[in-house]
PDB file of all heavy atoms in Angstrom:
ATOM      1  N   VAL A   1      25.597-261.179  16.710  1.00  0.00           N
ATOM      2  CA  VAL A   1      25.018-259.995  17.216  1.00  0.00           C
ATOM      3  C   VAL A   1      24.946-258.906  16.044  1.00  0.00           C
ATOM      4  O   VAL A   1      25.942-258.642  15.436  1.00  0.00           O
ATOM      5  CB  VAL A   1      25.860-259.343  18.430  1.00  0.00           C
ATOM      6  CG1 VAL A   1      25.162-258.013  18.907  1.00  0.00           C
ATOM      7  CG2 VAL A   1      25.884-260.320  19.517  1.00  0.00           C
ATOM      8  N   SER A   2      23.799-258.479  15.742  1.00  0.00           N
ATOM      9  CA  SER A   2      23.567-257.387  14.760  1.00  0.00           C
ATOM     10  C   SER A   2      23.075-256.253  15.464  1.00  0.00           C
ATOM     11  O   SER A   2      21.951-256.226  16.055  1.00  0.00           O
ATOM     12  CB  SER A   2      22.588-257.890  13.717  1.00  0.00           C
ATOM     13  OG  SER A   2      22.447-256.907  12.658  1.00  0.00           O
ATOM     14  N   GLY A   3      23.794-255.175  15.304  1.00  0.00           N
ATOM     15  CA  GLY A   3      23.353-253.864  15.803  1.00  0.00           C
ATOM     16  C   GLY A   3      22.556-253.114  14.812  1.00  0.00           C
ATOM     17  O   GLY A   3      23.129-252.741  13.768  1.00  0.00           O
ATOM     18  N   ASP A   4      21.273-252.872  15.036  1.00  0.00           N
ATOM     19  CA  ASP A   4      20.472-252.145  14.063  1.00  0.00           C
ATOM     20  C   ASP A   4      20.647-250.687  14.253  1.00  0.00           C
ATOM     21  O   ASP A   4      20.139-250.036  15.126  1.00  0.00           O
ATOM     22  CB  ASP A   4      18.949-252.447  14.329  1.00  0.00           C
ATOM     23  CG  ASP A   4      18.064-251.709  13.353  1.00  0.00           C
ATOM     24  OD1 ASP A   4      18.480-251.037  12.360  1.00  0.00           O
ATOM     25  OD2 ASP A   4      16.809-251.948  13.489  1.00  0.00           O
ATOM     26  N   VAL A   5      21.499-250.131  13.271  1.00  0.00           N
ATOM     27  CA  VAL A   5      21.712-248.642  13.278  1.00  0.00           C
ATOM     28  C   VAL A   5      21.069-248.070  11.992  1.00  0.00           C
ATOM     29  O   VAL A   5      21.519-247.016  11.522  1.00  0.00           O
ATOM     30  CB  VAL A   5      23.219-248.308  13.291  1.00  0.00           C
ATOM     31  CG1 VAL A   5      23.819-248.572  14.658  1.00  0.00           C
ATOM     32  CG2 VAL A   5      23.938-249.176  12.210  1.00  0.00           C
ATOM     33  N   GLY A   6      19.993-248.717  11.520  1.00  0.00           N
ATOM     34  CA  GLY A   6      19.311-248.276  10.353  1.00  0.00           C
ATOM     35  C   GLY A   6      19.530-248.852   9.083  1.00  0.00           C
ATOM     36  O   GLY A   6      19.382-248.193   8.026  1.00  0.00           O
ATOM     37  N   GLN A   7      19.949-250.138   9.034  1.00  0.00           N
ATOM     38  CA  GLN A   7      20.277-250.894   7.799  1.00  0.00           C
ATOM     39  C   GLN A   7      18.972-251.153   6.993  1.00  0.00           C
ATOM     40  O   GLN A   7      19.088-251.481   5.856  1.00  0.00           O
ATOM     41  CB  GLN A   7      21.057-252.180   8.095  1.00  0.00           C
ATOM     42  CG  GLN A   7      22.343-252.039   8.858  1.00  0.00           C
ATOM     43  CD  GLN A   7      22.226-252.145  10.258  1.00  0.00           C
ATOM     44  OE1 GLN A   7      21.355-251.513  10.909  1.00  0.00           O
ATOM     45  NE2 GLN A   7      23.105-252.883  10.871  1.00  0.00           N
ATOM     46  N   GLY A   8      17.803-251.154   7.705  1.00  0.00           N
ATOM     47  CA  GLY A   8      16.587-251.387   6.991  1.00  0.00           C
ATOM     48  C   GLY A   8      16.423-252.831   6.633  1.00  0.00           C
ATOM     49  O   GLY A   8      16.591-253.716   7.360  1.00  0.00           O
ATOM     50  N   THR A   9      16.142-253.052   5.300  1.00  0.00           N
ATOM     51  CA  THR A   9      15.866-254.415   4.818  1.00  0.00           C
ATOM     52  C   THR A   9      17.060-255.354   4.904  1.00  0.00           C
ATOM     53  O   THR A   9      16.878-256.594   4.660  1.00  0.00           O
ATOM     54  CB  THR A   9      15.309-254.341   3.393  1.00  0.00           C
ATOM     55  OG1 THR A   9      16.247-253.771   2.617  1.00  0.00           O
ATOM     56  CG2 THR A   9      13.918-253.525   3.335  1.00  0.00           C
ATOM     57  N   GLU A  10      18.222-254.846   5.081  1.00  0.00           N
ATOM     58  CA  GLU A  10      19.364-255.694   5.204  1.00  0.00           C
ATOM     59  C   GLU A  10      19.226-256.615   6.369  1.00  0.00           C
ATOM     60  O   GLU A  10      20.015-257.713   6.390  1.00  0.00           O
ATOM     61  CB  GLU A  10      20.719-254.811   5.331  1.00  0.00           C
ATOM     62  CG  GLU A  10      21.042-254.030   4.035  1.00  0.00           C
ATOM     63  CD  GLU A  10      22.369-253.303   4.264  1.00  0.00           C
ATOM     64  OE1 GLU A  10      23.112-253.485   5.290  1.00  0.00           O
ATOM     65  OE2 GLU A  10      22.716-252.489   3.410  1.00  0.00           O
ATOM     66  N   LEU A  11      18.453-256.349   7.327  1.00  0.00           N
ATOM     67  CA  LEU A  11      18.224-257.262   8.474  1.00  0.00           C
ATOM     68  C   LEU A  11      17.292-258.354   8.233  1.00  0.00           C
ATOM     69  O   LEU A  11      17.060-259.199   9.034  1.00  0.00           O
ATOM     70  CB  LEU A  11      17.831-256.456   9.709  1.00  0.00           C
ATOM     71  CG  LEU A  11      18.783-255.282  10.163  1.00  0.00           C
ATOM     72  CD1 LEU A  11      18.174-254.366  11.209  1.00  0.00           C
ATOM     73  CD2 LEU A  11      20.077-255.941  10.728  1.00  0.00           C
ATOM     74  N   ASP A  12      16.488-258.219   7.085  1.00  0.00           N
ATOM     75  CA  ASP A  12      15.448-259.226   6.795  1.00  0.00           C
ATOM     76  C   ASP A  12      16.094-260.662   6.666  1.00  0.00           C
ATOM     77  O   ASP A  12      17.072-260.853   5.922  1.00  0.00           O
ATOM     78  CB  ASP A  12      14.722-258.853   5.682  1.00  0.00           C
ATOM     79  CG  ASP A  12      13.877-257.619   5.723  1.00  0.00           C
ATOM     80  OD1 ASP A  12      13.683-257.189   6.847  1.00  0.00           O
ATOM     81  OD2 ASP A  12      13.376-257.072   4.679  1.00  0.00           O
ATOM     82  N   GLY A  13      15.472-261.588   7.391  1.00  0.00           N
ATOM     83  CA  GLY A  13      15.981-262.983   7.191  1.00  0.00           C
ATOM     84  C   GLY A  13      17.247-263.282   7.881  1.00  0.00           C
ATOM     85  O   GLY A  13      17.857-264.338   7.682  1.00  0.00           O
ATOM     86  N   LEU A  14      17.686-262.394   8.733  1.00  0.00           N
ATOM     87  CA  LEU A  14      19.069-262.541   9.270  1.00  0.00           C
ATOM     88  C   LEU A  14      19.195-263.685  10.323  1.00  0.00           C
ATOM     89  O   LEU A  14      20.196-264.475  10.241  1.00  0.00           O
ATOM     90  CB  LEU A  14      19.450-261.239  10.013  1.00  0.00           C
ATOM     91  CG  LEU A  14      20.939-260.779   9.909  1.00  0.00           C
ATOM     92  CD1 LEU A  14      21.307-260.652   8.434  1.00  0.00           C
ATOM     93  CD2 LEU A  14      21.038-259.430  10.577  1.00  0.00           C
ATOM     94  N   GLU A  15      18.159-263.880  11.169  1.00  0.00           N
ATOM     95  CA  GLU A  15      18.206-264.934  12.135  1.00  0.00           C
ATOM     96  C   GLU A  15      18.354-266.285  11.389  1.00  0.00           C
ATOM     97  O   GLU A  15      19.165-267.226  11.812  1.00  0.00           O
ATOM     98  CB  GLU A  15      17.040-264.871  12.971  1.00  0.00           C
ATOM     99  CG  GLU A  15      17.113-265.958  14.157  1.00  0.00           C
ATOM    100  CD  GLU A  15      16.060-265.768  15.188  1.00  0.00           C
ATOM    101  OE1 GLU A  15      15.092-264.969  14.907  1.00  0.00           O
ATOM    102  OE2 GLU A  15      16.082-266.425  16.216  1.00  0.00           O
ATOM    103  N   GLU A  16      17.491-266.552  10.491  1.00  0.00           N
ATOM    104  CA  GLU A  16      17.401-267.761   9.759  1.00  0.00           C
ATOM    105  C   GLU A  16      18.790-268.127   9.044  1.00  0.00           C
ATOM    106  O   GLU A  16      19.412-269.210   9.143  1.00  0.00           O
ATOM    107  CB  GLU A  16      16.343-267.823   8.763  1.00  0.00           C
ATOM    108  CG  GLU A  16      16.283-269.075   7.874  1.00  0.00           C
ATOM    109  CD  GLU A  16      15.198-268.988   6.820  1.00  0.00           C
ATOM    110  OE1 GLU A  16      14.401-267.948   6.752  1.00  0.00           O
ATOM    111  OE2 GLU A  16      15.040-269.974   6.043  1.00  0.00           O
ATOM    112  N   LYS A  17      19.368-267.052   8.470  1.00  0.00           N
ATOM    113  CA  LYS A  17      20.692-267.171   7.779  1.00  0.00           C
ATOM    114  C   LYS A  17      21.828-267.495   8.771  1.00  0.00           C
ATOM    115  O   LYS A  17      22.584-268.284   8.471  1.00  0.00           O
ATOM    116  CB  LYS A  17      20.963-265.981   7.013  1.00  0.00           C
ATOM    117  CG  LYS A  17      22.243-266.040   6.166  1.00  0.00           C
ATOM    118  CD  LYS A  17      22.421-264.746   5.315  1.00  0.00           C
ATOM    119  CE  LYS A  17      23.701-264.942   4.450  1.00  0.00           C
ATOM    120  NZ  LYS A  17      23.895-263.728   3.674  1.00  0.00           N
ATOM    121  N   ALA A  18      21.824-266.823   9.950  1.00  0.00           N
ATOM    122  CA  ALA A  18      22.815-266.967  10.900  1.00  0.00           C
ATOM    123  C   ALA A  18      22.849-268.366  11.455  1.00  0.00           C
ATOM    124  O   ALA A  18      23.883-269.002  11.569  1.00  0.00           O
ATOM    125  CB  ALA A  18      22.701-265.874  12.000  1.00  0.00           C
ATOM    126  N   LYS A  19      21.678-268.818  11.767  1.00  0.00           N
ATOM    127  CA  LYS A  19      21.506-270.212  12.346  1.00  0.00           C
ATOM    128  C   LYS A  19      21.830-271.278  11.287  1.00  0.00           C
ATOM    129  O   LYS A  19      22.413-272.320  11.650  1.00  0.00           O
ATOM    130  CB  LYS A  19      20.152-270.298  12.936  1.00  0.00           C
ATOM    131  CG  LYS A  19      19.877-269.627  14.318  1.00  0.00           C
ATOM    132  CD  LYS A  19      18.559-269.874  14.843  1.00  0.00           C
ATOM    133  CE  LYS A  19      18.379-269.060  16.165  1.00  0.00           C
ATOM    134  NZ  LYS A  19      17.056-269.302  16.763  1.00  0.00           N
ATOM    135  N   ALA A  20      21.442-271.021  10.104  1.00  0.00           N
ATOM    136  CA  ALA A  20      21.713-271.971   9.005  1.00  0.00           C
ATOM    137  C   ALA A  20      23.149-272.126   8.739  1.00  0.00           C
ATOM    138  O   ALA A  20      23.611-273.263   8.300  1.00  0.00           O
ATOM    139  CB  ALA A  20      20.983-271.597   7.717  1.00  0.00           C
ATOM    140  N   THR A  21      23.961-271.087   9.022  1.00  0.00           N
ATOM    141  CA  THR A  21      25.380-271.223   8.818  1.00  0.00           C
ATOM    142  C   THR A  21      26.197-271.614  10.006  1.00  0.00           C
ATOM    143  O   THR A  21      27.420-271.675   9.989  1.00  0.00           O
ATOM    144  CB  THR A  21      25.895-269.922   8.196  1.00  0.00           C
ATOM    145  OG1 THR A  21      25.576-268.748   9.004  1.00  0.00           O
ATOM    146  CG2 THR A  21      25.415-269.646   6.755  1.00  0.00           C
ATOM    147  N   GLY A  22      25.522-271.847  11.150  1.00  0.00           N
ATOM    148  CA  GLY A  22      26.212-272.433  12.343  1.00  0.00           C
ATOM    149  C   GLY A  22      26.047-271.600  13.683  1.00  0.00           C
ATOM    150  O   GLY A  22      26.535-272.025  14.674  1.00  0.00           O
ATOM    151  N   ALA A  23      25.409-270.402  13.606  1.00  0.00           N
ATOM    152  CA  ALA A  23      25.274-269.621  14.840  1.00  0.00           C
ATOM    153  C   ALA A  23      24.302-270.335  15.780  1.00  0.00           C
ATOM    154  O   ALA A  23      23.356-270.894  15.425  1.00  0.00           O
ATOM    155  CB  ALA A  23      24.896-268.236  14.586  1.00  0.00           C
ATOM    156  N   SER A  24      24.487-270.228  17.156  1.00  0.00           N
ATOM    157  CA  SER A  24      23.574-270.770  18.155  1.00  0.00           C
ATOM    158  C   SER A  24      22.480-269.883  18.335  1.00  0.00           C
ATOM    159  O   SER A  24      21.411-270.374  18.585  1.00  0.00           O
ATOM    160  CB  SER A  24      24.396-271.044  19.384  1.00  0.00           C
ATOM    161  OG  SER A  24      24.775-269.843  19.891  1.00  0.00           O
ATOM    162  N   LYS A  25      22.695-268.631  18.163  1.00  0.00           N
ATOM    163  CA  LYS A  25      21.567-267.582  18.275  1.00  0.00           C
ATOM    164  C   LYS A  25      21.975-266.216  17.645  1.00  0.00           C
ATOM    165  O   LYS A  25      23.173-266.112  17.340  1.00  0.00           O
ATOM    166  CB  LYS A  25      21.305-267.363  19.802  1.00  0.00           C
ATOM    167  CG  LYS A  25      22.439-266.735  20.619  1.00  0.00           C
ATOM    168  CD  LYS A  25      22.008-266.393  22.007  1.00  0.00           C
ATOM    169  CE  LYS A  25      22.004-267.622  22.898  1.00  0.00           C
ATOM    170  NZ  LYS A  25      21.792-267.358  24.336  1.00  0.00           N
ATOM    171  N   LEU A  26      20.998-265.402  17.551  1.00  0.00           N
ATOM    172  CA  LEU A  26      21.229-264.092  16.953  1.00  0.00           C
ATOM    173  C   LEU A  26      20.536-263.099  17.814  1.00  0.00           C
ATOM    174  O   LEU A  26      19.338-263.164  18.095  1.00  0.00           O
ATOM    175  CB  LEU A  26      20.780-263.920  15.532  1.00  0.00           C
ATOM    176  CG  LEU A  26      20.761-262.575  14.983  1.00  0.00           C
ATOM    177  CD1 LEU A  26      22.213-262.119  14.632  1.00  0.00           C
ATOM    178  CD2 LEU A  26      19.868-262.543  13.645  1.00  0.00           C
TER     179      LEU A  26
END
């Protein structure tokens, strides 16, 4: 779970990375 409180580009590509390292969903 990523809470977007204004991180901007830090959220780019997050879902792909989370699932690639073992998360079932983001």
